[in-house]
Amino acid sequence: MLLVYRHKKFSKEFKKLLRVVQEKFEQKIGIFVIDQYSVGFNNHGLKRKYNGCRSIDITGDYRAIYYINNSIAIFIHIGTHHQLYGK
């Protein structure tokens, strides 16, 4: 089982989200700690700005970015695809 830590920056971004997105993240994180590669996450590695990190889908447009360090998933950013990647 994977432990989850929320970086200070992540927590600030999380507080600004709509409640429905926050609730969806909480639902998904419950599954994530058991199976981080569950089909609904579209879990994939990132390059460039977030090299070494991974991304999971929270809703249709919202993503959460994290990296693994010593069996701890450290979530560093959450936002829309555009907010995170600028595309």
C-alpha atoms as a PDB file:
ATOM      1  CA  MET A   1       0.000   0.000   0.000  1.00  0.00           C
ATOM      2  CA  LEU A   2       1.282   3.424  -0.998  1.00  0.00           C
ATOM      3  CA  LEU A   3       1.381   6.368   1.409  1.00  0.00           C
ATOM      4  CA  VAL A   4       0.263   9.784   0.157  1.00  0.00           C
ATOM      5  CA  TYR A   5       1.689  13.175   1.074  1.00  0.00           C
ATOM      6  CA  ARG A   6       0.348  16.522  -0.137  1.00  0.00           C
ATOM      7  CA  HIS A   7       2.991  19.168  -0.753  1.00  0.00           C
ATOM      8  CA  LYS A   8       2.251  22.658   0.614  1.00  0.00           C
ATOM      9  CA  LYS A   9       1.851  24.013  -2.951  1.00  0.00           C
ATOM     10  CA  PHE A  10      -0.580  21.204  -3.777  1.00  0.00           C
ATOM     11  CA  SER A  11      -2.659  21.974  -0.681  1.00  0.00           C
ATOM     12  CA  LYS A  12      -2.920  25.662  -1.677  1.00  0.00           C
ATOM     13  CA  GLU A  13      -4.069  24.728  -5.186  1.00  0.00           C
ATOM     14  CA  PHE A  14      -6.488  22.143  -3.788  1.00  0.00           C
ATOM     15  CA  LYS A  15      -8.232  24.701  -1.544  1.00  0.00           C
ATOM     16  CA  LYS A  16      -9.018  26.855  -4.605  1.00  0.00           C
ATOM     17  CA  LEU A  17     -10.778  24.038  -6.476  1.00  0.00           C
ATOM     18  CA  LEU A  18     -14.524  23.599  -6.757  1.00  0.00           C
ATOM     19  CA  ARG A  19     -15.910  21.300  -4.078  1.00  0.00           C
ATOM     20  CA  VAL A  20     -16.973  18.739  -6.702  1.00  0.00           C
ATOM     21  CA  VAL A  21     -13.371  18.455  -7.944  1.00  0.00           C
ATOM     22  CA  GLN A  22     -12.068  18.179  -4.374  1.00  0.00           C
ATOM     23  CA  GLU A  23     -14.552  15.360  -3.680  1.00  0.00           C
ATOM     24  CA  LYS A  24     -13.575  13.563  -6.889  1.00  0.00           C
ATOM     25  CA  PHE A  25      -9.903  13.743  -5.888  1.00  0.00           C
ATOM     26  CA  GLU A  26     -10.679  12.286  -2.459  1.00  0.00           C
ATOM     27  CA  GLN A  27     -12.587   9.411  -4.112  1.00  0.00           C
ATOM     28  CA  LYS A  28      -9.774   8.710  -6.537  1.00  0.00           C
ATOM     29  CA  ILE A  29      -7.042   8.910  -3.906  1.00  0.00           C
ATOM     30  CA  GLY A  30      -8.800   6.138  -1.980  1.00  0.00           C
ATOM     31  CA  ILE A  31      -8.372   3.883  -5.012  1.00  0.00           C
ATOM     32  CA  PHE A  32      -4.897   5.246  -5.779  1.00  0.00           C
ATOM     33  CA  VAL A  33      -3.359   4.033  -2.512  1.00  0.00           C
ATOM     34  CA  ILE A  34      -4.447   0.483  -3.384  1.00  0.00           C
ATOM     35  CA  ASP A  35      -3.813   0.516  -7.158  1.00  0.00           C
ATOM     36  CA  GLN A  36      -2.038   3.551  -8.623  1.00  0.00           C
ATOM     37  CA  TYR A  37      -2.398   2.142 -12.139  1.00  0.00           C
ATOM     38  CA  SER A  38      -6.164   1.621 -12.081  1.00  0.00           C
ATOM     39  CA  VAL A  39      -7.665   2.108 -15.548  1.00  0.00           C
ATOM     40  CA  GLY A  40      -9.514   5.347 -14.709  1.00  0.00           C
ATOM     41  CA  PHE A  41      -6.342   7.211 -13.764  1.00  0.00           C
ATOM     42  CA  ASN A  42      -4.572   7.270 -17.134  1.00  0.00           C
ATOM     43  CA  ASN A  43      -1.401   7.220 -15.011  1.00  0.00           C
ATOM     44  CA  HIS A  44       1.563   8.244 -17.135  1.00  0.00           C
ATOM     45  CA  GLY A  45       5.067   9.648 -16.837  1.00  0.00           C
ATOM     46  CA  LEU A  46       5.810  13.269 -17.675  1.00  0.00           C
ATOM     47  CA  LYS A  47       8.690  15.033 -19.422  1.00  0.00           C
ATOM     48  CA  ARG A  48      10.164  18.528 -19.660  1.00  0.00           C
ATOM     49  CA  LYS A  49       9.008  20.741 -16.805  1.00  0.00           C
ATOM     50  CA  TYR A  50       7.783  17.751 -14.764  1.00  0.00           C
ATOM     51  CA  ASN A  51      10.465  15.242 -15.727  1.00  0.00           C
ATOM     52  CA  GLY A  52      10.454  12.323 -13.280  1.00  0.00           C
ATOM     53  CA  CYS A  53       6.867  13.003 -12.204  1.00  0.00           C
ATOM     54  CA  ARG A  54       3.640  11.235 -13.090  1.00  0.00           C
ATOM     55  CA  SER A  55       0.108  12.469 -13.770  1.00  0.00           C
ATOM     56  CA  ILE A  56      -3.311  10.995 -13.015  1.00  0.00           C
ATOM     57  CA  ASP A  57      -6.734  12.094 -14.247  1.00  0.00           C
ATOM     58  CA  ILE A  58      -9.103  13.443 -11.616  1.00  0.00           C
ATOM     59  CA  THR A  59     -11.953  14.580 -13.894  1.00  0.00           C
ATOM     60  CA  GLY A  60     -12.197  15.103 -17.633  1.00  0.00           C
ATOM     61  CA  ASP A  61      -9.910  18.147 -17.493  1.00  0.00           C
ATOM     62  CA  TYR A  62      -8.316  18.082 -14.032  1.00  0.00           C
ATOM     63  CA  ARG A  63      -4.988  16.354 -13.390  1.00  0.00           C
ATOM     64  CA  ALA A  64      -2.878  15.706 -10.304  1.00  0.00           C
ATOM     65  CA  ILE A  65       0.921  15.541 -10.584  1.00  0.00           C
ATOM     66  CA  TYR A  66       3.032  13.509  -8.203  1.00  0.00           C
ATOM     67  CA  TYR A  67       6.309  11.673  -7.810  1.00  0.00           C
ATOM     68  CA  ILE A  68       7.285   8.643  -5.747  1.00  0.00           C
ATOM     69  CA  ASN A  69       9.985   8.817  -3.078  1.00  0.00           C
ATOM     70  CA  ASN A  70      10.593   5.808  -0.801  1.00  0.00           C
ATOM     71  CA  SER A  71       7.078   4.340  -1.275  1.00  0.00           C
ATOM     72  CA  ILE A  72       5.450   7.734  -0.679  1.00  0.00           C
ATOM     73  CA  ALA A  73       3.445   9.432  -3.431  1.00  0.00           C
ATOM     74  CA  ILE A  74       4.092  13.155  -3.069  1.00  0.00           C
ATOM     75  CA  PHE A  75       1.417  15.203  -4.830  1.00  0.00           C
ATOM     76  CA  ILE A  76       2.866  18.523  -5.960  1.00  0.00           C
ATOM     77  CA  HIS A  77       0.250  20.100  -8.285  1.00  0.00           C
ATOM     78  CA  ILE A  78      -3.416  19.859  -9.187  1.00  0.00           C
ATOM     79  CA  GLY A  79      -5.274  21.826 -11.844  1.00  0.00           C
ATOM     80  CA  THR A  80      -6.695  21.796 -15.328  1.00  0.00           C
ATOM     81  CA  HIS A  81      -4.646  20.499 -18.203  1.00  0.00           C
ATOM     82  CA  HIS A  82      -4.141  24.079 -19.394  1.00  0.00           C
ATOM     83  CA  GLN A  83      -3.079  25.349 -15.941  1.00  0.00           C
ATOM     84  CA  LEU A  84      -0.496  22.600 -15.548  1.00  0.00           C
ATOM     85  CA  TYR A  85       0.849  22.233 -19.071  1.00  0.00           C
ATOM     86  CA  GLY A  86      -0.148  25.496 -20.773  1.00  0.00           C
ATOM     87  CA  LYS A  87      -1.660  23.716 -23.775  1.00  0.00           C
END
